[in-house]
Amino acid sequence: MAKTIPALSIRKLIFGGSGLGHYDGKAVFVPMTLPGEVAGVEIVHEKKDYAEGIVRELLSLSEERCSPPCPVFGVCGGCQLQHLSAEGQIRHKTEMANEFVRQVRQSEPFVSYPTIPAPSSFYYRLRAQLAIQNGRIGFYRRKSHEIVPIVACPLVAPPLNAALAFLSGTGMALLTGISEVEIQGTDTGELLIILIGQGFSSDKRRLFFKSATAALSPASLRGLIVYDRGKRFCLGDDYLTYTVRGKTMRVSHCSFLQVHGAMHDLLVETMLRWTEGKDARWLELHAGVGMFTLHLAGRARSLVSIEAHAEAVKDAHFNLSAAGIKNVRLLTGHAERLLPRFSPGAFTHLLLDPPRGGVTKREMTEIVRLSPKRIFYLSCHPPTLVRDIRALHGKEYRMRQVQPFDLFPQTGHLEMLVDLQRRL
């Protein structure tokens, strides 16, 4: 018989979006609950120090609770906070950010700003990854490899929803042999569709491209990319074009760019507001296609940009050349292998934008050896951010300011930018 908690008081939200309560000396994490609520909970997973549960009955409701607009919220694994008001999401994400930075245990004062909200909390995503099972397309269920069929999603931008409507409708008959789909788009309505599967012949590719192009008008299908048995095929273009603070960027379909287009400007503007002068010698790690590079170059005497993904570096070369920028040196490879060629003091400023895993130990060793005066760390995963900030804090760096961003409304994710300065 499953263990139940008849009345669990939810104290706060944790990173990821679950509510946290305590029972019998253990932390209990419960999705779809909010601080101040009391819930009857069934335990579905239990360890020595914590347990995970699901709501069986809500005994009292938070004033911040609202009705989710999505009919599959709570079943689909994409969202965690549609039941929380927009104001509540910003407030709780600010509290989470403050809790994370307190874990650094810095004695010197620093400024922690309120979370910057997104201009729109719905219809913002410019990329969507879906799966096809048994003739249906959708997102994965929470903690499952089964799909939830989707015909529209309130998080993805309108052009992507148009593509989703086509794929889940008349387009499904054309997708024989396809198991995965990715849709990429821009705010101006340009689209790429990427298909992964087996046995998708050249005739099928041409028919799908023609049918999708006609169905998606007035949106513009720029290209179709198909991965079939390890081979890549492309009809049309394999990139999209974005504009950030007046600068245009080409982004290939396999290059990384933040999925929330309306937040690109806010990320760059915050970064630029925190920098000073035009005589800095910059180092940028995990630089991607150059979204920050394009703008930091004007604040730099010189800039070295390092990125491991060769396709992203090609995009960055194209973007810098198109902008007429000549004071940037682009290097392709892993930072931990490239950094040893530089001498201590070679750089005054460092921008870090690593993947979820954060900075590797070898990268951290090299960063400390190079000893830049200022470090700006942008992270999509606060737990690894705290780990790395602690390491830097122990090596003569202190936090000056912290800025959270609600880059992913309706989800438990949190983006944070931290400004650190080397102690004299």
Protein backbone atom coordinates (compact mmCIF):
# COMPACT_ATOMS: atom_id res chain seq x y z
CA MET A 1 0.00 0.00 0.00
CA ALA A 2 1.34 3.42 -1.00
CA LYS A 3 2.40 5.71 1.83
CA THR A 4 0.31 8.85 2.13
CA ILE A 5 0.67 12.13 4.01
CA PRO A 6 -2.81 13.36 4.93
CA ALA A 7 -1.83 17.05 5.24
CA LEU A 8 1.53 18.38 4.05
CA SER A 9 2.24 22.11 4.39
CA ILE A 10 4.19 23.50 1.43
CA ARG A 11 6.85 25.93 2.61
CA LYS A 12 8.51 27.14 -0.61
CA LEU A 13 9.26 26.42 -4.26
CA ILE A 14 12.58 24.86 -5.18
CA PHE A 15 14.60 25.09 -8.38
CA GLY A 16 12.72 22.99 -10.92
CA GLY A 17 9.29 24.15 -9.75
CA SER A 18 8.25 21.59 -7.11
CA GLY A 19 6.86 22.59 -3.75
CA LEU A 20 8.83 21.67 -0.64
CA GLY A 21 7.38 20.45 2.64
CA HIS A 22 8.69 18.41 5.56
CA TYR A 23 7.25 15.28 7.11
CA ASP A 24 8.69 12.84 9.61
CA GLY A 25 12.10 14.52 9.42
CA LYS A 26 12.33 14.35 5.63
CA ALA A 27 12.10 16.88 2.85
CA VAL A 28 9.17 16.07 0.58
CA PHE A 29 9.08 17.44 -2.99
CA VAL A 30 5.64 17.74 -4.58
CA PRO A 31 5.04 19.08 -8.12
CA MET A 32 1.99 21.25 -8.81
CA THR A 33 1.91 22.72 -5.30
CA LEU A 34 2.58 26.27 -4.10
CA PRO A 35 3.90 27.87 -0.91
CA GLY A 36 1.20 28.27 1.73
CA GLU A 37 -0.86 25.37 0.41
CA VAL A 38 -1.74 22.21 2.32
CA ALA A 39 -2.03 19.00 0.32
CA GLY A 40 -2.83 15.37 0.80
CA VAL A 41 0.17 13.65 -0.78
CA GLU A 42 0.99 10.14 -1.97
CA ILE A 43 4.68 9.22 -1.75
CA VAL A 44 5.91 7.75 -5.04
CA HIS A 45 9.67 7.70 -4.38
CA GLU A 46 11.47 7.62 -1.05
CA LYS A 47 15.11 7.86 -0.06
CA LYS A 48 16.87 8.15 3.29
CA ASP A 49 16.79 11.95 3.44
CA TYR A 50 13.97 12.95 1.11
CA ALA A 51 10.82 11.77 -0.65
CA GLU A 52 8.90 12.67 -3.79
CA GLY A 53 5.14 12.77 -3.87
CA ILE A 54 2.11 13.59 -5.97
CA VAL A 55 -0.95 15.57 -4.98
CA ARG A 56 -4.04 13.54 -4.15
CA GLU A 57 -6.04 16.43 -2.69
CA LEU A 58 -5.48 20.15 -2.22
CA LEU A 59 -6.80 21.06 1.22
CA SER A 60 -6.04 24.78 0.96
CA LEU A 61 -5.09 26.96 -2.00
CA SER A 62 -2.60 29.77 -2.45
CA GLU A 63 -3.97 33.16 -3.51
CA GLU A 64 -1.34 33.09 -6.27
CA ARG A 65 -2.77 29.91 -7.83
CA CYS A 66 -4.35 30.40 -11.26
CA SER A 67 -5.95 28.23 -13.92
CA PRO A 68 -3.39 26.84 -16.39
CA PRO A 69 -4.29 27.65 -20.01
CA CYS A 70 -2.83 24.41 -21.36
CA PRO A 71 -5.14 21.35 -21.27
CA VAL A 72 -2.21 18.95 -20.77
CA PHE A 73 -0.41 20.91 -18.05
CA GLY A 74 0.67 18.48 -15.36
CA VAL A 75 0.83 15.61 -17.83
CA CYS A 76 3.29 17.02 -20.37
CA GLY A 77 6.75 17.45 -18.89
CA GLY A 78 7.51 20.80 -20.49
CA CYS A 79 6.01 23.19 -17.88
CA GLN A 80 5.99 23.24 -14.10
CA LEU A 81 4.47 26.61 -13.13
CA GLN A 82 1.41 27.36 -15.24
CA HIS A 83 -0.65 27.14 -12.03
CA LEU A 84 1.28 30.11 -10.55
CA SER A 85 0.49 33.72 -11.49
CA ALA A 86 3.03 35.70 -13.51
CA GLU A 87 3.73 37.96 -10.53
CA GLY A 88 4.14 34.93 -8.29
CA GLN A 89 6.61 33.33 -10.69
CA ILE A 90 8.82 36.43 -10.68
CA ARG A 91 8.69 36.76 -6.90
CA HIS A 92 9.49 33.12 -6.25
CA LYS A 93 12.30 33.05 -8.81
CA THR A 94 13.85 36.09 -7.15
CA GLU A 95 13.64 34.27 -3.80
CA MET A 96 15.26 31.20 -5.35
CA ALA A 97 18.07 33.28 -6.84
CA ASN A 98 18.70 34.94 -3.48
CA GLU A 99 18.80 31.58 -1.77
CA PHE A 100 21.34 30.28 -4.26
CA VAL A 101 23.74 33.21 -3.86
CA ARG A 102 23.49 33.01 -0.08
CA GLN A 103 25.02 29.56 -0.38
CA VAL A 104 28.26 31.21 -1.52
CA ARG A 105 28.52 32.69 2.01
CA GLN A 106 30.26 35.87 0.94
CA SER A 107 30.86 38.32 3.78
CA GLU A 108 31.44 41.36 1.56
CA PRO A 109 28.31 43.22 0.41
CA PHE A 110 26.93 42.68 -3.08
CA VAL A 111 23.77 43.64 -4.96
CA SER A 112 21.17 41.02 -5.88
CA TYR A 113 18.53 42.47 -8.22
CA PRO A 114 14.92 41.33 -8.69
CA THR A 115 14.31 38.90 -11.54
CA ILE A 116 13.88 40.59 -14.92
CA PRO A 117 10.55 39.35 -16.33
CA ALA A 118 10.03 38.34 -19.92
CA PRO A 119 8.05 40.74 -22.14
CA SER A 120 5.58 37.89 -22.64
CA SER A 121 5.14 34.82 -20.48
CA PHE A 122 3.55 32.76 -23.28
CA TYR A 123 4.25 32.10 -26.98
CA TYR A 124 7.96 32.86 -26.66
CA ARG A 125 9.92 29.69 -27.48
CA LEU A 126 11.68 29.70 -30.85
CA ARG A 127 12.65 26.02 -30.74
CA ALA A 128 10.63 22.91 -30.01
CA GLN A 129 11.73 19.28 -29.94
CA LEU A 130 9.06 16.63 -30.39
CA ALA A 131 8.76 12.88 -30.80
CA ILE A 132 6.51 10.76 -33.01
CA GLN A 133 4.97 7.55 -31.69
CA ASN A 134 2.21 5.50 -33.31
CA GLY A 135 1.33 8.22 -35.79
CA ARG A 136 1.09 10.97 -33.15
CA ILE A 137 3.42 13.87 -32.44
CA GLY A 138 3.98 15.41 -29.05
CA PHE A 139 6.19 16.13 -26.04
CA TYR A 140 7.28 13.57 -23.50
CA ARG A 141 5.31 12.97 -20.35
CA ARG A 142 7.00 13.97 -17.12
CA LYS A 143 9.69 11.39 -16.27
CA SER A 144 8.61 9.16 -19.15
CA HIS A 145 9.43 8.25 -22.75
CA GLU A 146 5.76 8.15 -23.67
CA ILE A 147 4.45 11.16 -25.55
CA VAL A 148 1.58 13.49 -24.85
CA PRO A 149 -0.03 14.27 -28.24
CA ILE A 150 0.13 18.00 -29.01
CA VAL A 151 -1.62 20.08 -31.66
CA ALA A 152 -0.64 23.46 -30.15
CA CYS A 153 1.55 24.66 -27.29
CA PRO A 154 1.07 27.96 -25.43
CA LEU A 155 4.83 28.30 -24.91
CA VAL A 156 6.01 28.17 -28.54
CA ALA A 157 5.87 31.17 -30.87
CA PRO A 158 2.96 31.44 -33.36
CA PRO A 159 4.98 30.40 -36.46
CA LEU A 160 6.06 27.22 -34.65
CA ASN A 161 2.48 26.49 -33.64
CA ALA A 162 1.51 26.79 -37.30
CA ALA A 163 4.15 24.19 -38.13
CA LEU A 164 2.95 21.99 -35.26
CA ALA A 165 -0.63 22.16 -36.55
CA PHE A 166 0.58 21.02 -39.98
CA LEU A 167 2.74 18.22 -38.55
CA SER A 168 -0.01 16.89 -36.31
CA GLY A 169 -2.59 17.13 -39.10
CA THR A 170 -2.14 16.65 -42.83
CA GLY A 171 1.64 16.50 -42.52
CA MET A 172 1.62 13.37 -40.37
CA ALA A 173 0.88 11.15 -43.36
CA LEU A 174 4.11 12.39 -44.96
CA LEU A 175 6.29 11.51 -41.95
CA THR A 176 6.55 7.75 -42.40
CA GLY A 177 9.83 6.56 -40.89
CA ILE A 178 10.40 9.75 -38.85
CA SER A 179 10.76 9.43 -35.06
CA GLU A 180 11.96 12.90 -33.98
CA VAL A 181 11.15 16.43 -35.12
CA GLU A 182 12.63 19.79 -34.24
CA ILE A 183 11.09 23.10 -35.26
CA GLN A 184 13.16 26.28 -35.17
CA GLY A 185 11.89 29.74 -35.90
CA THR A 186 12.35 33.49 -35.63
CA ASP A 187 10.07 36.28 -34.46
CA THR A 188 9.70 37.33 -38.11
CA GLY A 189 8.14 34.00 -39.13
CA GLU A 190 11.07 32.15 -40.70
CA LEU A 191 11.20 28.42 -39.97
CA LEU A 192 13.43 25.37 -40.19
CA ILE A 193 12.17 21.82 -39.76
CA ILE A 194 14.61 19.07 -38.79
CA LEU A 195 13.55 15.43 -39.16
CA ILE A 196 15.31 12.36 -37.76
CA GLY A 197 14.44 8.83 -38.81
CA GLN A 198 15.01 6.03 -41.30
CA GLY A 199 13.89 5.40 -44.85
CA PHE A 200 12.90 9.00 -45.65
CA SER A 201 13.74 8.92 -49.34
CA SER A 202 14.54 11.84 -51.63
CA ASP A 203 11.01 11.71 -53.06
CA LYS A 204 9.56 11.91 -49.54
CA ARG A 205 11.85 14.81 -48.69
CA ARG A 206 10.82 16.80 -51.75
CA LEU A 207 7.11 16.09 -51.23
CA PHE A 208 7.27 17.05 -47.55
CA PHE A 209 9.18 20.28 -48.29
CA LYS A 210 6.71 21.29 -51.00
CA SER A 211 3.65 20.49 -48.87
CA ALA A 212 5.01 22.20 -45.74
CA THR A 213 6.04 25.32 -47.67
CA ALA A 214 2.52 25.71 -49.04
CA ALA A 215 0.78 24.91 -45.76
CA LEU A 216 2.86 27.23 -43.60
CA SER A 217 2.46 30.40 -45.66
CA PRO A 218 2.59 33.30 -44.71
CA ALA A 219 5.34 31.93 -42.46
CA SER A 220 8.44 31.19 -44.50
CA LEU A 221 9.91 27.66 -44.40
CA ARG A 222 13.56 28.44 -45.05
CA GLY A 223 14.78 24.86 -45.05
CA LEU A 224 14.26 21.19 -44.33
CA ILE A 225 17.08 19.16 -42.80
CA VAL A 226 16.78 15.38 -42.62
CA TYR A 227 19.04 12.97 -40.72
CA ASP A 228 18.54 9.49 -42.11
CA ARG A 229 20.75 6.55 -41.06
CA GLY A 230 23.65 8.84 -40.22
CA LYS A 231 23.43 10.89 -43.42
CA ARG A 232 22.36 14.52 -43.59
CA PHE A 233 20.18 15.98 -46.35
CA CYS A 234 19.14 19.61 -46.77
CA LEU A 235 16.53 21.30 -48.94
CA GLY A 236 16.72 25.08 -48.86
CA ASP A 237 18.77 26.82 -46.17
CA ASP A 238 20.15 25.22 -43.01
CA TYR A 239 20.24 28.43 -40.97
CA LEU A 240 18.01 31.22 -39.70
CA THR A 241 18.71 34.92 -39.22
CA TYR A 242 18.17 36.77 -35.93
CA THR A 243 18.65 40.39 -34.92
CA VAL A 244 19.91 41.37 -31.47
CA ARG A 245 20.22 45.06 -30.61
CA GLY A 246 20.46 45.96 -34.28
CA LYS A 247 23.11 43.37 -35.13
CA THR A 248 22.23 40.49 -37.44
CA MET A 249 23.29 36.92 -36.77
CA ARG A 250 23.22 33.78 -38.86
CA VAL A 251 22.50 30.73 -36.69
CA SER A 252 22.83 27.27 -38.23
CA HIS A 253 20.28 24.68 -37.24
CA CYS A 254 22.75 22.76 -35.05
CA SER A 255 24.21 25.84 -33.34
CA PHE A 256 22.99 26.96 -29.92
CA LEU A 257 21.02 30.13 -29.32
CA GLN A 258 18.78 30.92 -26.36
CA VAL A 259 15.23 29.88 -27.29
CA HIS A 260 13.59 33.05 -25.93
CA GLY A 261 14.07 35.61 -28.66
CA ALA A 262 12.56 38.55 -26.77
CA MET A 263 15.15 38.10 -23.98
CA HIS A 264 18.24 38.27 -26.22
CA ASP A 265 18.32 42.07 -26.09
CA LEU A 266 17.84 42.13 -22.31
CA LEU A 267 20.70 39.69 -21.72
CA VAL A 268 23.08 41.69 -23.90
CA GLU A 269 21.96 45.06 -22.54
CA THR A 270 22.55 43.94 -18.95
CA MET A 271 25.98 42.63 -19.85
CA LEU A 272 26.94 45.89 -21.56
CA ARG A 273 25.59 47.98 -18.70
CA TRP A 274 27.92 46.15 -16.32
CA THR A 275 31.05 46.71 -18.41
CA GLU A 276 33.04 49.88 -18.68
CA GLY A 277 35.49 51.59 -21.01
CA LYS A 278 36.85 50.38 -24.33
CA ASP A 279 40.34 49.30 -23.33
CA ALA A 280 39.55 45.87 -21.87
CA ARG A 281 41.20 42.68 -23.10
CA TRP A 282 38.35 40.17 -23.21
CA LEU A 283 38.24 36.39 -23.12
CA GLU A 284 34.94 34.69 -23.92
CA LEU A 285 34.43 30.98 -23.22
CA HIS A 286 31.62 28.88 -24.74
CA ALA A 287 30.96 31.79 -27.08
CA GLY A 288 28.51 30.07 -29.44
CA VAL A 289 27.56 31.98 -32.59
CA GLY A 290 28.80 35.28 -31.15
CA MET A 291 25.68 36.89 -29.71
CA PHE A 292 27.71 38.56 -26.95
CA THR A 293 30.88 38.74 -29.05
CA LEU A 294 29.26 41.05 -31.60
CA HIS A 295 28.46 43.57 -28.88
CA LEU A 296 31.45 43.19 -26.57
CA ALA A 297 33.87 43.80 -29.45
CA GLY A 298 32.98 47.49 -29.30
CA ARG A 299 33.95 47.54 -25.62
CA ALA A 300 37.29 45.78 -26.15
CA ARG A 301 40.83 46.53 -27.20
CA SER A 302 40.92 42.86 -28.15
CA LEU A 303 38.71 39.80 -27.68
CA VAL A 304 39.54 36.09 -27.83
CA SER A 305 36.47 33.91 -28.30
CA ILE A 306 36.60 30.15 -27.67
CA GLU A 307 33.91 27.68 -28.75
CA ALA A 308 34.12 23.88 -29.07
CA HIS A 309 31.33 23.49 -31.65
CA ALA A 310 32.83 23.99 -35.11
CA GLU A 311 29.53 24.89 -36.79
CA ALA A 312 28.89 27.64 -34.23
CA VAL A 313 32.37 29.05 -34.86
CA LYS A 314 31.60 29.15 -38.60
CA ASP A 315 28.47 31.14 -37.79
CA ALA A 316 30.47 33.47 -35.55
CA HIS A 317 33.04 34.06 -38.33
CA PHE A 318 30.24 34.92 -40.73
CA ASN A 319 28.51 37.22 -38.22
CA LEU A 320 31.66 39.12 -37.26
CA SER A 321 32.72 39.50 -40.89
CA ALA A 322 29.28 40.80 -41.88
CA ALA A 323 29.49 43.37 -39.07
CA GLY A 324 33.00 44.46 -40.10
CA ILE A 325 34.47 43.53 -36.70
CA LYS A 326 38.24 42.92 -36.79
CA ASN A 327 39.44 42.95 -33.19
CA VAL A 328 38.17 39.42 -32.37
CA ARG A 329 40.15 36.19 -32.57
CA LEU A 330 37.98 33.07 -32.84
CA LEU A 331 39.37 29.74 -31.64
CA THR A 332 37.74 26.35 -32.17
CA GLY A 333 38.23 23.76 -29.45
CA HIS A 334 37.72 22.95 -25.80
CA ALA A 335 38.70 25.76 -23.46
CA GLU A 336 40.71 23.55 -21.12
CA ARG A 337 43.01 22.64 -24.03
CA LEU A 338 43.34 26.14 -25.48
CA LEU A 339 43.72 28.25 -22.34
CA PRO A 340 47.24 27.01 -21.40
CA ARG A 341 48.68 28.89 -24.41
CA PHE A 342 47.88 32.24 -22.77
CA SER A 343 49.96 33.95 -20.07
CA PRO A 344 48.65 35.23 -16.72
CA GLY A 345 47.34 38.76 -17.09
CA ALA A 346 46.64 38.31 -20.81
CA PHE A 347 42.99 39.20 -20.20
CA THR A 348 41.35 41.79 -17.98
CA HIS A 349 37.78 40.56 -18.47
CA LEU A 350 36.23 37.10 -18.86
CA LEU A 351 32.73 36.12 -19.95
CA LEU A 352 31.64 32.57 -19.07
CA ASP A 353 28.50 31.06 -20.59
CA PRO A 354 28.98 27.31 -20.02
CA PRO A 355 26.48 24.47 -20.53
CA ARG A 356 24.48 23.05 -17.61
CA GLY A 357 27.48 21.14 -16.28
CA GLY A 358 29.28 24.42 -15.57
CA VAL A 359 33.03 24.99 -15.62
CA THR A 360 35.25 21.91 -15.65
CA LYS A 361 38.01 21.52 -13.06
CA ARG A 362 40.71 22.05 -15.68
CA GLU A 363 38.96 25.16 -16.99
CA MET A 364 38.70 26.51 -13.45
CA THR A 365 42.42 25.90 -12.88
CA GLU A 366 43.25 27.84 -16.04
CA ILE A 367 40.84 30.68 -15.24
CA VAL A 368 42.44 31.16 -11.83
CA ARG A 369 45.91 31.04 -13.39
CA LEU A 370 44.98 33.69 -15.96
CA SER A 371 43.58 35.85 -13.14
CA PRO A 372 41.31 38.33 -15.01
CA LYS A 373 40.18 41.35 -13.01
CA ARG A 374 36.48 40.83 -13.78
CA ILE A 375 34.51 37.66 -14.47
CA PHE A 376 30.95 37.64 -15.79
CA TYR A 377 29.25 34.27 -15.41
CA LEU A 378 25.94 33.52 -17.19
CA SER A 379 24.32 30.28 -16.11
CA CYS A 380 21.15 28.32 -16.87
CA HIS A 381 21.78 25.97 -13.92
CA PRO A 382 22.13 27.73 -10.55
CA PRO A 383 23.41 24.65 -8.62
CA THR A 384 26.53 24.43 -10.79
CA LEU A 385 26.80 28.23 -10.81
CA VAL A 386 26.99 28.22 -7.00
CA ARG A 387 29.60 25.45 -7.08
CA ASP A 388 31.78 27.44 -9.49
CA ILE A 389 31.29 30.77 -7.71
CA ARG A 390 32.35 29.12 -4.47
CA ALA A 391 35.53 27.92 -6.17
CA LEU A 392 36.24 31.43 -7.48
CA HIS A 393 35.35 32.94 -4.12
CA GLY A 394 38.04 30.79 -2.56
CA LYS A 395 40.53 32.09 -5.15
CA GLU A 396 40.28 35.82 -4.38
CA TYR A 397 37.10 36.68 -6.29
CA ARG A 398 34.03 38.30 -4.81
CA MET A 399 30.53 38.83 -6.16
CA ARG A 400 29.61 42.41 -7.00
CA GLN A 401 26.12 41.98 -8.47
CA VAL A 402 23.67 39.26 -9.41
CA GLN A 403 20.86 39.48 -11.97
CA PRO A 404 18.27 36.71 -12.45
CA PHE A 405 16.26 36.52 -15.68
CA ASP A 406 12.94 34.77 -16.24
CA LEU A 407 14.17 33.32 -19.50
CA PHE A 408 11.69 30.43 -19.34
CA PRO A 409 8.29 31.56 -17.98
CA GLN A 410 5.92 28.79 -16.85
CA THR A 411 8.88 26.55 -16.02
CA GLY A 412 11.07 26.05 -12.97
CA HIS A 413 14.20 27.11 -14.86
CA LEU A 414 16.19 30.20 -13.92
CA GLU A 415 18.93 32.12 -15.75
CA MET A 416 21.43 34.11 -13.68
CA LEU A 417 24.22 36.57 -14.52
CA VAL A 418 26.88 37.14 -11.84
CA ASP A 419 29.56 39.84 -11.87
CA LEU A 420 32.73 38.97 -9.94
CA GLN A 421 35.78 41.06 -9.21
CA ARG A 422 39.25 39.93 -8.22
CA ARG A 423 40.24 41.14 -4.77
CA LEU A 424 43.26 43.43 -4.80
